[in-house]
């Protein structure tokens, strides 16, 4: 047997634990907290949430892990930082820039790095050019990193397609399809895609612009930017997927003809050519769930993930796994 490389034992497990604050304790925040606790390299030192039912309770109780952690949930970051120091904030609150922008300003102003699941933060220049410039300037001033990531956006429909194009000599167009059986997902997600409501209620909600999946256009524009494509327009449509029969999920009852979920499509167009096509179907009872990336070019690629990437497991993983890179990245 030939030894290729000898590893020094002191390089394994020698680094100091990263001190983490959990900011937001909804389903994704709770799942992220549980995963963080399973990592020897992470020490959860504080937790923040505005829910009165959670404030004042021990974090272990809120996470449902069957033991106390000695960390009390507070309603303000400033209160948490009076009691402890931290390195990174795992931020899992809102999808929308107007809501999370002041939160990120507070976090960065305190000199803390941020890893956030907020969808509009993944490519904030699209809907919040002014806010993104302010955050960038603040991060550089304070010497911290602010990262928006997750599974979608963050991986399936953006990072993964970009990585796959690395083997292409030429890319002519990209199509990404994600089919999700929403009956397996958390309650807030089922609610935000309209499970159980009527078709008329769906249409009314869709007109508000604050309904459905957040981040589809962010993923599309991210890929266009990575490929150096200048888009003339980005179009997005959203329509309900109606239930062919009555059924119920863990959280909602769905009548026949009522909404089981949605189909959301975005297209990136340049010089009257559709360069990017993104289709997301999230519906309770969807058959054949999968992720598929089709790249037309040299060579053509057609990559499929059978069953699809499980978002409620993958999102916490993306947040946790980003921490080491965030700590070493330039502000």
Foldseek 3Di string as FASTA:
>chain_A
DDDPDDDDPCVPPVDAAFEEEQEDLDLLSLLLVVVQVVDPNHDDQEYEDQPPVQAQDFSCVSSVVPDGDPYGYHHDPVVSVVVDDGAEYEHEDEQDCVVCLVVLLVQLLVLHAYEYQRQCQQQVCVPHVPSVVVSVVSCQVSFFYYHHAAPQRHPQLAVPLLVVCVPFPDFQAKEKEFEAQQLPDDDVLQVLQFAAAAQVVNVVVVVVVRGADPNQVVRVVNNCVSVVHDFPDKDKDKHFDFACAWDAGPVYTHHHNGGFGMKMWMFTHDPNDTRYIYIYTYGNPDPFGKIWMWTVHHVTDIDIGTPYDPRSNGGSVSSVVCVVVRSPDTD
